[in-house]
Amino acid sequence: MRNVVIAVVIFLVMIIAMLFSLSYLNNVSSTLQRVNDELEQFISDDQWDKAYKSAMEYTHRWEYHSKIIKIFVNHQEIDNVEMELWKLPQYVKEKTKDEALASVHALKFLLSHISKLEKINLQNIF
């Protein structure tokens, strides 16, 4: 009987941890997507100073949140986001509009891809 109770408690803790991680990932993803959209608008409007500040804000937010996200997300996906984030401020700093926009779109895709990979659905279970 005691083994069953322990197993049920462990199962419930795992479910709660999964729900917490999904909620956290969705909140971070939506926050970063807003910064991403703002950054894209600044780049499109050739507002390079605002774009650089926004790119640096994006980088700092990612560094803060990635410490927790790394616990439950595939590291390959994290590495892809970080590679683009290292490039983005330099593209903006050098006012390379096409490369900066490409990097912003890549980050948009990577963040949505991470969210899709972590959702609970039959495709991700099997």
C-alpha atoms as a PDB file:
ATOM      1  CA  MET A   1       0.000   0.000   0.000  1.00  0.00           C
ATOM      2  CA  ARG A   2       2.815   2.386   0.886  1.00  0.00           C
ATOM      3  CA  ASN A   3       4.477   1.776  -2.492  1.00  0.00           C
ATOM      4  CA  VAL A   4       1.266   2.712  -4.297  1.00  0.00           C
ATOM      5  CA  VAL A   5       0.972   5.961  -2.364  1.00  0.00           C
ATOM      6  CA  ILE A   6       4.597   6.841  -3.118  1.00  0.00           C
ATOM      7  CA  ALA A   7       4.092   6.068  -6.810  1.00  0.00           C
ATOM      8  CA  VAL A   8       0.953   8.221  -6.976  1.00  0.00           C
ATOM      9  CA  VAL A   9       2.706  11.111  -5.210  1.00  0.00           C
ATOM     10  CA  ILE A  10       5.659  10.917  -7.602  1.00  0.00           C
ATOM     11  CA  PHE A  11       3.285  10.805 -10.565  1.00  0.00           C
ATOM     12  CA  LEU A  12       1.399  13.878  -9.320  1.00  0.00           C
ATOM     13  CA  VAL A  13       4.646  15.773  -8.732  1.00  0.00           C
ATOM     14  CA  MET A  14       5.733  14.972 -12.293  1.00  0.00           C
ATOM     15  CA  ILE A  15       2.416  16.189 -13.724  1.00  0.00           C
ATOM     16  CA  ILE A  16       2.581  19.412 -11.708  1.00  0.00           C
ATOM     17  CA  ALA A  17       6.197  19.984 -12.813  1.00  0.00           C
ATOM     18  CA  MET A  18       5.204  19.453 -16.455  1.00  0.00           C
ATOM     19  CA  LEU A  19       2.342  21.911 -16.188  1.00  0.00           C
ATOM     20  CA  PHE A  20       4.581  24.475 -14.492  1.00  0.00           C
ATOM     21  CA  SER A  21       7.268  24.099 -17.156  1.00  0.00           C
ATOM     22  CA  LEU A  22       4.738  24.460 -19.992  1.00  0.00           C
ATOM     23  CA  SER A  23       3.179  27.509 -18.396  1.00  0.00           C
ATOM     24  CA  TYR A  24       6.579  29.103 -17.817  1.00  0.00           C
ATOM     25  CA  LEU A  25       7.699  28.353 -21.370  1.00  0.00           C
ATOM     26  CA  ASN A  26       4.503  29.822 -22.837  1.00  0.00           C
ATOM     27  CA  ASN A  27       4.838  33.000 -20.759  1.00  0.00           C
ATOM     28  CA  VAL A  28       8.490  33.471 -21.700  1.00  0.00           C
ATOM     29  CA  SER A  29       7.769  32.696 -25.335  1.00  0.00           C
ATOM     30  CA  SER A  30       4.963  35.248 -25.557  1.00  0.00           C
ATOM     31  CA  THR A  31       7.109  37.906 -23.848  1.00  0.00           C
ATOM     32  CA  LEU A  32      10.004  37.278 -26.202  1.00  0.00           C
ATOM     33  CA  GLN A  33       7.690  37.279 -29.210  1.00  0.00           C
ATOM     34  CA  ARG A  34       6.465  40.757 -28.232  1.00  0.00           C
ATOM     35  CA  VAL A  35      10.060  41.999 -27.993  1.00  0.00           C
ATOM     36  CA  ASN A  36      10.775  40.290 -31.304  1.00  0.00           C
ATOM     37  CA  ASP A  37       7.853  42.033 -33.019  1.00  0.00           C
ATOM     38  CA  GLU A  38       8.936  45.385 -31.598  1.00  0.00           C
ATOM     39  CA  LEU A  39      12.494  44.788 -32.780  1.00  0.00           C
ATOM     40  CA  GLU A  40      11.300  43.844 -36.253  1.00  0.00           C
ATOM     41  CA  GLN A  41       9.314  47.076 -36.469  1.00  0.00           C
ATOM     42  CA  PHE A  42      12.326  49.170 -35.389  1.00  0.00           C
ATOM     43  CA  ILE A  43      14.529  47.498 -38.005  1.00  0.00           C
ATOM     44  CA  SER A  44      11.917  47.936 -40.731  1.00  0.00           C
ATOM     45  CA  ASP A  45      11.576  51.627 -39.863  1.00  0.00           C
ATOM     46  CA  ASP A  46      15.384  52.109 -39.789  1.00  0.00           C
ATOM     47  CA  GLN A  47      15.310  53.166 -36.135  1.00  0.00           C
ATOM     48  CA  TRP A  48      18.696  51.608 -35.438  1.00  0.00           C
ATOM     49  CA  ASP A  49      19.304  53.017 -31.953  1.00  0.00           C
ATOM     50  CA  LYS A  50      15.963  51.729 -30.690  1.00  0.00           C
ATOM     51  CA  ALA A  51      16.547  48.462 -32.510  1.00  0.00           C
ATOM     52  CA  TYR A  52      19.931  47.981 -30.844  1.00  0.00           C
ATOM     53  CA  LYS A  53      18.468  48.667 -27.396  1.00  0.00           C
ATOM     54  CA  SER A  54      15.657  46.247 -28.131  1.00  0.00           C
ATOM     55  CA  ALA A  55      18.112  43.597 -29.360  1.00  0.00           C
ATOM     56  CA  MET A  56      20.131  43.949 -26.164  1.00  0.00           C
ATOM     57  CA  GLU A  57      16.936  43.733 -24.078  1.00  0.00           C
ATOM     58  CA  TYR A  58      16.012  40.590 -26.000  1.00  0.00           C
ATOM     59  CA  THR A  59      19.425  39.099 -25.271  1.00  0.00           C
ATOM     60  CA  HIS A  60      19.265  39.933 -21.560  1.00  0.00           C
ATOM     61  CA  ARG A  61      15.755  38.541 -21.191  1.00  0.00           C
ATOM     62  CA  TRP A  62      16.796  35.355 -22.929  1.00  0.00           C
ATOM     63  CA  GLU A  63      19.875  34.973 -20.710  1.00  0.00           C
ATOM     64  CA  TYR A  64      17.721  35.392 -17.614  1.00  0.00           C
ATOM     65  CA  HIS A  65      14.993  32.951 -18.652  1.00  0.00           C
ATOM     66  CA  SER A  66      17.181  30.401 -20.440  1.00  0.00           C
ATOM     67  CA  LYS A  67      18.682  29.222 -17.153  1.00  0.00           C
ATOM     68  CA  ILE A  68      15.323  27.737 -16.224  1.00  0.00           C
ATOM     69  CA  ILE A  69      14.285  26.749 -19.743  1.00  0.00           C
ATOM     70  CA  LYS A  70      17.467  24.683 -20.151  1.00  0.00           C
ATOM     71  CA  ILE A  71      16.164  22.326 -17.486  1.00  0.00           C
ATOM     72  CA  PHE A  72      13.297  21.005 -19.608  1.00  0.00           C
ATOM     73  CA  VAL A  73      14.031  21.894 -23.255  1.00  0.00           C
ATOM     74  CA  ASN A  74      16.325  20.106 -25.692  1.00  0.00           C
ATOM     75  CA  HIS A  75      19.737  21.782 -25.663  1.00  0.00           C
ATOM     76  CA  GLN A  76      19.980  21.708 -29.454  1.00  0.00           C
ATOM     77  CA  GLU A  77      17.003  24.059 -29.642  1.00  0.00           C
ATOM     78  CA  ILE A  78      18.521  26.342 -27.004  1.00  0.00           C
ATOM     79  CA  ASP A  79      21.824  26.430 -28.909  1.00  0.00           C
ATOM     80  CA  ASN A  80      20.036  27.456 -32.111  1.00  0.00           C
ATOM     81  CA  VAL A  81      18.344  30.387 -30.358  1.00  0.00           C
ATOM     82  CA  GLU A  82      21.586  31.472 -28.719  1.00  0.00           C
ATOM     83  CA  MET A  83      23.487  31.387 -32.024  1.00  0.00           C
ATOM     84  CA  GLU A  84      20.962  33.760 -33.590  1.00  0.00           C
ATOM     85  CA  LEU A  85      20.964  35.977 -30.506  1.00  0.00           C
ATOM     86  CA  TRP A  86      24.736  36.383 -30.732  1.00  0.00           C
ATOM     87  CA  LYS A  87      24.432  37.538 -34.346  1.00  0.00           C
ATOM     88  CA  LEU A  88      21.441  39.837 -34.030  1.00  0.00           C
ATOM     89  CA  PRO A  89      22.944  42.772 -32.052  1.00  0.00           C
ATOM     90  CA  GLN A  90      25.896  42.903 -34.432  1.00  0.00           C
ATOM     91  CA  TYR A  91      23.664  43.004 -37.489  1.00  0.00           C
ATOM     92  CA  VAL A  92      21.683  45.825 -35.915  1.00  0.00           C
ATOM     93  CA  LYS A  93      24.816  47.656 -34.793  1.00  0.00           C
ATOM     94  CA  GLU A  94      26.203  47.541 -38.337  1.00  0.00           C
ATOM     95  CA  LYS A  95      22.792  48.500 -39.760  1.00  0.00           C
ATOM     96  CA  THR A  96      22.595  45.413 -41.943  1.00  0.00           C
ATOM     97  CA  LYS A  97      18.857  45.450 -42.515  1.00  0.00           C
ATOM     98  CA  ASP A  98      18.496  42.234 -44.506  1.00  0.00           C
ATOM     99  CA  GLU A  99      20.598  40.135 -42.120  1.00  0.00           C
ATOM    100  CA  ALA A 100      18.934  41.661 -39.048  1.00  0.00           C
ATOM    101  CA  LEU A 101      15.444  40.942 -40.381  1.00  0.00           C
ATOM    102  CA  ALA A 102      16.469  37.404 -41.322  1.00  0.00           C
ATOM    103  CA  SER A 103      17.796  36.851 -37.820  1.00  0.00           C
ATOM    104  CA  VAL A 104      14.606  38.241 -36.253  1.00  0.00           C
ATOM    105  CA  HIS A 105      12.498  35.894 -38.370  1.00  0.00           C
ATOM    106  CA  ALA A 106      14.736  32.945 -37.492  1.00  0.00           C
ATOM    107  CA  LEU A 107      14.303  33.734 -33.795  1.00  0.00           C
ATOM    108  CA  LYS A 108      10.545  33.990 -34.256  1.00  0.00           C
ATOM    109  CA  PHE A 109      10.508  30.549 -35.859  1.00  0.00           C
ATOM    110  CA  LEU A 110      12.814  28.992 -33.260  1.00  0.00           C
ATOM    111  CA  LEU A 111      10.744  30.255 -30.324  1.00  0.00           C
ATOM    112  CA  SER A 112       7.493  29.008 -31.820  1.00  0.00           C
ATOM    113  CA  HIS A 113       9.193  25.705 -32.686  1.00  0.00           C
ATOM    114  CA  ILE A 114      10.311  25.213 -29.079  1.00  0.00           C
ATOM    115  CA  SER A 115       6.785  25.910 -27.853  1.00  0.00           C
ATOM    116  CA  LYS A 116       5.315  23.423 -30.327  1.00  0.00           C
ATOM    117  CA  LEU A 117       7.815  20.736 -29.334  1.00  0.00           C
ATOM    118  CA  GLU A 118       6.961  21.034 -25.659  1.00  0.00           C
ATOM    119  CA  LYS A 119       3.155  21.019 -25.980  1.00  0.00           C
ATOM    120  CA  ILE A 120       1.305  17.991 -24.730  1.00  0.00           C
ATOM    121  CA  ASN A 121      -0.260  16.239 -27.694  1.00  0.00           C
ATOM    122  CA  LEU A 122      -0.295  12.765 -29.227  1.00  0.00           C
ATOM    123  CA  GLN A 123       2.380  13.601 -31.759  1.00  0.00           C
ATOM    124  CA  ASN A 124       4.853  14.597 -29.042  1.00  0.00           C
ATOM    125  CA  ILE A 125       4.015  11.603 -26.855  1.00  0.00           C
ATOM    126  CA  PHE A 126       4.541   8.955 -29.526  1.00  0.00           C
END
